[in-house]
Amino acid sequence: MPDSNRKLLLRRQVLQRIAGAAATLAACNVISPAQAQALRAEYEDFIEEMAGKHGVDRPLLRRLFAQIKPQPSIIRAMNAPSTSRPWYEFRKSHVDIGRISGGVKFWGQHAATLARAAREFGVPEEIITATIGIETHYGGYTGNFRILDALATLAFDYPKRAAFFRDELEQFVLMGKETSLDLAGLRGSYAGAMGIPQFLPSSYRKYAVDFDGDGQRNLWSSIPDVIGSVANYYKLHEWQPGEAVVVPARVSETPDAALTDDITPKTPISEFRKLGIQPAVAVNDEALAALLPLETESGMQYWFGFKNFYVITRYNRSTNYAMAVYEIAQGIRIRMTPR
């Protein structure tokens, strides 16, 4: 082929590629006929609010919200959380040898990073590890719900907690504005929790840290960022380094319900002693605690929960959850301690 013809052919191919790329880009920025249909009034109100408060681009947000698919299964899951089961049932499905042995393996693989996080944030390696284990089996399962669908469903179709999840949807949009994350593609739990540590959008924005120094806060594939972010979460919720989490309590009779209806540690151990409720191990009488009832197969069991137990419940506001994290952590620590 003569050089002149070859150059002409190459020029046509380049122009075709440019035209194709331009068409693809245009398609990404044009609302399809389905998307052009009016959005739900609640969506439009939210979009206007985001534009007014945060300067978010309205057409961009409309394109995003046109992709929302409400999920009734999310409502069903919210109405039957696993943490509401009796402790003995919850424990069977969450405190198991798989999570403990998986935690030992995880610690062994990331020992240096966990040690650095423990030094910098004051949170023990086993607590960080157990939290990651109970959330996603050390990253093995992070959820299959689209975060956009989950948050929108709960913000606009779940009146019981609509205000909370509307706030989380706002944080989600702001997270997208601040990062290069694909909001339409992110997947996670039915409650909108994301990544290996299952942070809600507000937690990502407040507590996620760049622990590997690459300039990103990556909770999906950077284990250092995951470890550092979990530790930072606990630190900023006032984890008390070196202090106890829980200890068993001995009771002579069933305690008054008023003593067990609040997990906030605000009653000195000395006051519990006056009521005939004793710690099973040595504890400072001035230590503030909450009395925690746990339903076992043989009856009620009681524990004193201290500030660090309360801090774990800030991650998931459930006594069952916090006790499971503690037990998994203890199992991991025992196996990691030299003999």
Protein backbone atom coordinates (compact mmCIF):
# COMPACT_ATOMS: atom_id res chain seq x y z
CA MET A 1 0.00 0.00 0.00
CA PRO A 2 1.43 3.44 -0.92
CA ASP A 3 2.48 5.61 2.02
CA SER A 4 -0.11 8.23 1.15
CA ASN A 5 -2.95 5.69 1.30
CA ARG A 6 -1.61 4.19 4.52
CA LYS A 7 -1.54 7.64 6.16
CA LEU A 8 -5.07 8.33 4.98
CA LEU A 9 -6.29 5.02 6.43
CA LEU A 10 -4.59 5.67 9.75
CA ARG A 11 -6.07 9.16 9.88
CA ARG A 12 -9.58 7.76 9.29
CA GLN A 13 -9.06 5.14 12.07
CA VAL A 14 -7.92 7.82 14.52
CA LEU A 15 -10.90 10.03 13.66
CA GLN A 16 -13.25 7.06 14.11
CA ARG A 17 -11.78 6.30 17.53
CA ILE A 18 -12.13 9.94 18.57
CA ALA A 19 -15.73 10.01 17.35
CA GLY A 20 -16.48 6.76 19.23
CA ALA A 21 -14.97 8.05 22.43
CA ALA A 22 -16.92 11.30 22.13
CA ALA A 23 -20.14 9.39 21.61
CA THR A 24 -19.45 7.21 24.67
CA LEU A 25 -18.72 10.28 26.79
CA ALA A 26 -21.86 12.00 25.55
CA ALA A 27 -23.93 8.95 26.35
CA CYS A 28 -22.64 8.99 29.94
CA ASN A 29 -23.79 12.56 30.37
CA VAL A 30 -27.22 12.34 28.78
CA ILE A 31 -30.20 11.17 30.79
CA SER A 32 -31.90 8.24 29.10
CA PRO A 33 -35.67 8.36 28.43
CA ALA A 34 -36.21 6.17 31.53
CA GLN A 35 -34.03 8.44 33.61
CA ALA A 36 -35.75 11.53 32.23
CA GLN A 37 -38.99 10.53 33.91
CA ALA A 38 -39.80 12.51 37.02
CA LEU A 39 -38.11 11.25 40.14
CA ARG A 40 -40.02 10.64 43.33
CA ALA A 41 -40.88 13.88 45.11
CA GLU A 42 -38.80 12.78 48.10
CA TYR A 43 -35.78 12.30 45.86
CA GLU A 44 -36.22 15.73 44.30
CA ASP A 45 -36.54 17.34 47.72
CA PHE A 46 -33.35 15.64 48.83
CA ILE A 47 -31.52 16.71 45.68
CA GLU A 48 -32.59 20.32 46.19
CA GLU A 49 -31.42 20.16 49.79
CA MET A 50 -28.02 18.77 48.77
CA ALA A 51 -27.63 21.41 46.07
CA GLY A 52 -28.52 24.19 48.48
CA LYS A 53 -26.45 22.98 51.44
CA HIS A 54 -23.43 21.51 49.68
CA GLY A 55 -23.42 22.78 46.11
CA VAL A 56 -23.89 19.30 44.66
CA ASP A 57 -24.62 19.30 40.93
CA ARG A 58 -28.35 18.69 40.44
CA PRO A 59 -28.20 16.89 37.05
CA LEU A 60 -25.42 14.65 38.34
CA LEU A 61 -27.43 13.72 41.42
CA ARG A 62 -30.59 13.19 39.37
CA ARG A 63 -28.70 10.74 37.15
CA LEU A 64 -27.53 8.91 40.26
CA PHE A 65 -30.96 8.84 41.89
CA ALA A 66 -32.60 7.64 38.67
CA GLN A 67 -30.69 4.39 39.23
CA ILE A 68 -32.17 3.72 42.69
CA LYS A 69 -34.06 0.45 43.05
CA PRO A 70 -35.91 0.21 46.38
CA GLN A 71 -35.40 -3.18 48.04
CA PRO A 72 -38.24 -4.56 50.20
CA SER A 73 -35.89 -7.30 51.46
CA ILE A 74 -33.88 -4.58 53.21
CA ILE A 75 -36.93 -3.55 55.24
CA ARG A 76 -37.51 -7.17 56.23
CA ALA A 77 -33.88 -7.53 57.32
CA MET A 78 -34.02 -4.32 59.36
CA ASN A 79 -37.09 -5.59 61.18
CA ALA A 80 -35.38 -8.85 62.19
CA PRO A 81 -31.74 -8.07 63.09
CA SER A 82 -29.61 -11.02 64.19
CA THR A 83 -28.40 -9.07 67.23
CA SER A 84 -31.92 -9.15 68.69
CA ARG A 85 -31.77 -12.92 69.24
CA PRO A 86 -31.01 -14.37 72.70
CA TRP A 87 -27.30 -14.34 73.52
CA TYR A 88 -26.93 -18.13 73.35
CA GLU A 89 -28.34 -18.18 69.80
CA PHE A 90 -26.32 -15.19 68.63
CA ARG A 91 -23.16 -16.64 70.18
CA LYS A 92 -23.50 -19.95 68.32
CA SER A 93 -23.49 -18.21 64.96
CA HIS A 94 -20.84 -15.58 65.69
CA VAL A 95 -18.35 -16.86 68.28
CA ASP A 96 -16.89 -19.89 66.55
CA ILE A 97 -13.56 -21.56 65.91
CA GLY A 98 -13.57 -20.26 62.33
CA ARG A 99 -13.53 -16.65 63.42
CA ILE A 100 -10.95 -17.31 66.12
CA SER A 101 -8.59 -19.32 63.91
CA GLY A 102 -9.17 -16.81 61.13
CA GLY A 103 -8.20 -14.07 63.55
CA VAL A 104 -4.99 -15.86 64.48
CA LYS A 105 -4.12 -16.13 60.79
CA PHE A 106 -5.02 -12.48 60.15
CA TRP A 107 -2.88 -11.33 63.08
CA GLY A 108 0.02 -13.43 61.90
CA GLN A 109 -0.20 -11.96 58.40
CA HIS A 110 -0.50 -8.35 59.58
CA ALA A 111 1.36 -8.38 62.89
CA ALA A 112 3.50 -5.31 62.20
CA THR A 113 0.53 -3.20 61.13
CA LEU A 114 -1.57 -4.31 64.10
CA ALA A 115 1.30 -3.56 66.48
CA ARG A 116 1.69 -0.07 64.99
CA ALA A 117 -2.05 0.57 65.32
CA ALA A 118 -2.00 -0.63 68.94
CA ARG A 119 0.85 1.78 69.70
CA GLU A 120 -0.64 4.77 67.91
CA PHE A 121 -4.28 4.35 68.93
CA GLY A 122 -4.03 2.42 72.21
CA VAL A 123 -6.42 -0.33 71.09
CA PRO A 124 -5.28 -3.98 71.53
CA GLU A 125 -4.52 -6.03 68.43
CA GLU A 126 -7.05 -8.67 69.38
CA ILE A 127 -9.92 -6.15 69.64
CA ILE A 128 -9.12 -4.70 66.21
CA THR A 129 -8.82 -8.18 64.73
CA ALA A 130 -12.00 -9.54 66.34
CA THR A 131 -14.01 -6.57 65.09
CA ILE A 132 -12.89 -7.19 61.51
CA GLY A 133 -13.64 -10.88 62.00
CA ILE A 134 -17.18 -10.43 63.24
CA GLU A 135 -17.97 -7.82 60.59
CA THR A 136 -16.84 -9.58 57.42
CA HIS A 137 -14.86 -12.73 58.28
CA TYR A 138 -11.64 -10.76 57.68
CA GLY A 139 -12.88 -9.42 54.36
CA GLY A 140 -14.36 -12.69 53.14
CA TYR A 141 -17.88 -11.28 52.77
CA THR A 142 -18.61 -7.56 52.59
CA GLY A 143 -22.22 -7.65 51.35
CA ASN A 144 -24.06 -7.72 48.03
CA PHE A 145 -26.55 -4.89 48.38
CA ARG A 146 -25.91 -1.70 46.43
CA ILE A 147 -25.22 0.97 49.03
CA LEU A 148 -27.26 3.48 47.05
CA ASP A 149 -30.32 1.21 47.09
CA ALA A 150 -29.90 0.34 50.77
CA LEU A 151 -29.60 3.91 52.00
CA ALA A 152 -32.36 5.24 49.76
CA THR A 153 -34.72 2.43 50.76
CA LEU A 154 -34.13 3.12 54.44
CA ALA A 155 -34.17 6.91 54.06
CA PHE A 156 -37.46 7.08 52.15
CA ASP A 157 -39.34 3.82 52.83
CA TYR A 158 -38.51 2.99 56.45
CA PRO A 159 -40.16 5.66 58.65
CA LYS A 160 -38.89 4.11 61.88
CA ARG A 161 -35.32 5.23 61.14
CA ALA A 162 -35.77 7.48 58.13
CA ALA A 163 -34.07 10.51 59.70
CA PHE A 164 -30.95 8.51 60.58
CA PHE A 165 -30.59 7.00 57.12
CA ARG A 166 -31.40 10.25 55.35
CA ASP A 167 -28.37 11.65 57.16
CA GLU A 168 -26.32 8.66 56.04
CA LEU A 169 -27.46 9.16 52.45
CA GLU A 170 -26.30 12.77 52.71
CA GLN A 171 -22.93 11.59 54.00
CA PHE A 172 -22.77 9.05 51.16
CA VAL A 173 -23.24 11.75 48.53
CA LEU A 174 -20.61 13.93 50.20
CA MET A 175 -18.26 10.96 50.33
CA GLY A 176 -18.66 10.63 46.59
CA LYS A 177 -18.01 14.33 46.12
CA GLU A 178 -14.76 14.06 48.08
CA THR A 179 -13.43 10.87 46.49
CA SER A 180 -13.29 9.07 43.16
CA LEU A 181 -15.55 6.27 44.39
CA ASP A 182 -18.31 5.02 42.10
CA LEU A 183 -21.40 5.58 44.24
CA ALA A 184 -23.65 3.60 41.91
CA GLY A 185 -21.37 0.58 42.04
CA LEU A 186 -20.48 0.31 45.72
CA ARG A 187 -21.90 -2.73 47.49
CA GLY A 188 -22.20 -3.64 51.14
CA SER A 189 -24.68 -4.59 53.85
CA TYR A 190 -28.44 -4.16 53.82
CA ALA A 191 -27.94 -1.26 56.25
CA GLY A 192 -25.52 0.57 53.96
CA ALA A 193 -22.27 -0.45 55.69
CA MET A 194 -19.23 -0.63 53.43
CA GLY A 195 -15.88 -2.29 53.01
CA ILE A 196 -13.99 -4.77 55.16
CA PRO A 197 -14.76 -2.97 58.46
CA GLN A 198 -18.36 -2.19 57.41
CA PHE A 199 -18.31 1.57 58.02
CA LEU A 200 -21.40 3.63 57.34
CA PRO A 201 -20.74 6.71 55.19
CA SER A 202 -20.63 9.02 58.22
CA SER A 203 -18.07 6.74 59.88
CA TYR A 204 -15.98 6.68 56.72
CA ARG A 205 -15.86 10.47 56.63
CA LYS A 206 -15.12 10.83 60.38
CA TYR A 207 -12.94 7.88 61.26
CA ALA A 208 -11.35 6.28 58.17
CA VAL A 209 -7.60 6.90 57.97
CA ASP A 210 -4.86 6.49 55.39
CA PHE A 211 -2.66 4.05 57.33
CA ASP A 212 -0.57 2.86 54.40
CA GLY A 213 0.44 6.37 53.31
CA ASP A 214 -0.78 6.21 49.71
CA GLY A 215 -3.02 9.26 49.99
CA GLN A 216 -6.26 7.22 49.92
CA ARG A 217 -8.59 5.94 52.62
CA ASN A 218 -9.30 2.54 51.13
CA LEU A 219 -11.50 0.28 53.24
CA TRP A 220 -12.05 -2.20 50.40
CA SER A 221 -8.59 -3.55 49.65
CA SER A 222 -6.01 -1.84 51.90
CA ILE A 223 -5.66 -3.92 55.06
CA PRO A 224 -3.48 -1.23 56.74
CA ASP A 225 -6.22 1.35 56.15
CA VAL A 226 -8.81 -1.08 57.53
CA ILE A 227 -6.76 -1.80 60.67
CA GLY A 228 -5.94 1.86 61.27
CA SER A 229 -9.53 2.96 60.71
CA VAL A 230 -11.01 0.43 63.16
CA ALA A 231 -8.43 1.43 65.77
CA ASN A 232 -9.08 5.13 65.15
CA TYR A 233 -12.83 4.57 65.49
CA TYR A 234 -12.35 3.06 68.93
CA LYS A 235 -9.81 5.65 70.01
CA LEU A 236 -12.09 8.56 69.09
CA HIS A 237 -14.89 6.90 71.03
CA GLU A 238 -12.57 7.07 74.06
CA TRP A 239 -11.14 3.58 74.35
CA GLN A 240 -9.31 3.28 77.68
CA PRO A 241 -5.91 1.63 77.08
CA GLY A 242 -5.08 -1.10 79.58
CA GLU A 243 -8.53 -1.05 81.20
CA ALA A 244 -10.95 -3.97 81.50
CA VAL A 245 -13.81 -4.58 79.08
CA VAL A 246 -16.14 -6.82 81.10
CA VAL A 247 -15.99 -9.08 84.16
CA PRO A 248 -18.51 -11.65 85.39
CA ALA A 249 -20.96 -10.57 88.08
CA ARG A 250 -22.34 -12.72 90.90
CA VAL A 251 -25.93 -12.08 91.89
CA SER A 252 -27.83 -13.57 94.84
CA GLU A 253 -31.23 -12.87 93.29
CA THR A 254 -32.65 -11.47 90.08
CA PRO A 255 -31.65 -7.79 89.91
CA ASP A 256 -34.22 -5.06 89.56
CA ALA A 257 -34.94 -4.36 85.88
CA ALA A 258 -33.93 -0.74 86.37
CA LEU A 259 -30.34 -1.92 86.94
CA THR A 260 -30.11 -3.66 83.57
CA ASP A 261 -31.93 -1.29 81.20
CA ASP A 262 -28.95 0.92 80.35
CA ILE A 263 -25.56 -0.17 78.98
CA THR A 264 -23.94 3.15 79.89
CA PRO A 265 -21.31 2.55 82.64
CA LYS A 266 -22.36 5.08 85.26
CA THR A 267 -22.72 3.19 88.55
CA PRO A 268 -19.69 2.57 90.81
CA ILE A 269 -18.93 -1.05 91.64
CA SER A 270 -19.25 -0.10 95.31
CA GLU A 271 -22.95 0.67 94.76
CA PHE A 272 -23.52 -2.70 93.15
CA ARG A 273 -21.83 -4.38 96.11
CA LYS A 274 -24.35 -2.74 98.46
CA LEU A 275 -27.10 -4.40 96.43
CA GLY A 276 -25.48 -7.81 96.76
CA ILE A 277 -24.07 -7.84 93.22
CA GLN A 278 -20.37 -8.73 93.30
CA PRO A 279 -17.65 -8.84 90.63
CA ALA A 280 -16.22 -12.34 90.26
CA VAL A 281 -12.67 -10.93 90.06
CA ALA A 282 -10.87 -8.08 91.80
CA VAL A 283 -12.16 -4.71 90.57
CA ASN A 284 -11.65 -1.16 91.82
CA ASP A 285 -14.72 -0.12 93.81
CA GLU A 286 -14.70 3.28 92.11
CA ALA A 287 -14.85 1.82 88.60
CA LEU A 288 -18.04 2.76 86.77
CA ALA A 289 -19.97 -0.12 85.24
CA ALA A 290 -23.28 -1.20 83.76
CA LEU A 291 -24.95 -4.49 84.68
CA LEU A 292 -25.42 -6.59 81.55
CA PRO A 293 -27.92 -9.47 81.41
CA LEU A 294 -27.16 -12.26 78.93
CA GLU A 295 -29.67 -15.01 78.22
CA THR A 296 -28.05 -18.45 78.24
CA GLU A 297 -29.67 -21.83 77.70
CA SER A 298 -29.59 -22.45 81.45
CA GLY A 299 -30.85 -19.03 82.54
CA MET A 300 -29.70 -15.44 82.88
CA GLN A 301 -26.03 -14.60 83.28
CA TYR A 302 -24.77 -11.20 84.42
CA TRP A 303 -21.64 -9.22 83.62
CA PHE A 304 -20.23 -5.84 84.54
CA GLY A 305 -19.53 -3.81 81.42
CA PHE A 306 -16.99 -0.98 81.70
CA LYS A 307 -16.20 1.99 79.44
CA ASN A 308 -14.37 -0.18 76.90
CA PHE A 309 -17.40 -2.45 76.53
CA TYR A 310 -19.52 0.63 75.92
CA VAL A 311 -17.02 1.80 73.30
CA ILE A 312 -17.44 -1.47 71.38
CA THR A 313 -21.21 -0.91 71.38
CA ARG A 314 -20.61 2.37 69.53
CA TYR A 315 -19.54 0.22 66.58
CA ASN A 316 -22.76 -1.78 66.81
CA ARG A 317 -25.22 -0.81 69.51
CA SER A 318 -25.85 -4.29 70.79
CA THR A 319 -24.75 -6.06 73.95
CA ASN A 320 -24.63 -9.33 72.01
CA TYR A 321 -22.32 -7.79 69.41
CA ALA A 322 -19.91 -6.31 71.95
CA MET A 323 -19.76 -9.51 73.98
CA ALA A 324 -19.05 -11.51 70.82
CA VAL A 325 -16.19 -9.17 69.90
CA TYR A 326 -14.78 -9.59 73.41
CA GLU A 327 -15.00 -13.40 73.38
CA ILE A 328 -13.48 -13.71 69.90
CA ALA A 329 -10.70 -11.32 70.96
CA GLN A 330 -9.98 -13.39 74.06
CA GLY A 331 -9.83 -16.57 71.99
CA ILE A 332 -7.42 -14.98 69.54
CA ARG A 333 -5.20 -13.52 72.28
CA ILE A 334 -4.89 -16.88 74.04
CA ARG A 335 -3.74 -18.54 70.83
CA MET A 336 -1.31 -15.73 70.03
CA THR A 337 0.29 -15.64 73.49
CA PRO A 338 3.64 -17.55 73.64
CA ARG A 339 3.64 -20.48 76.06
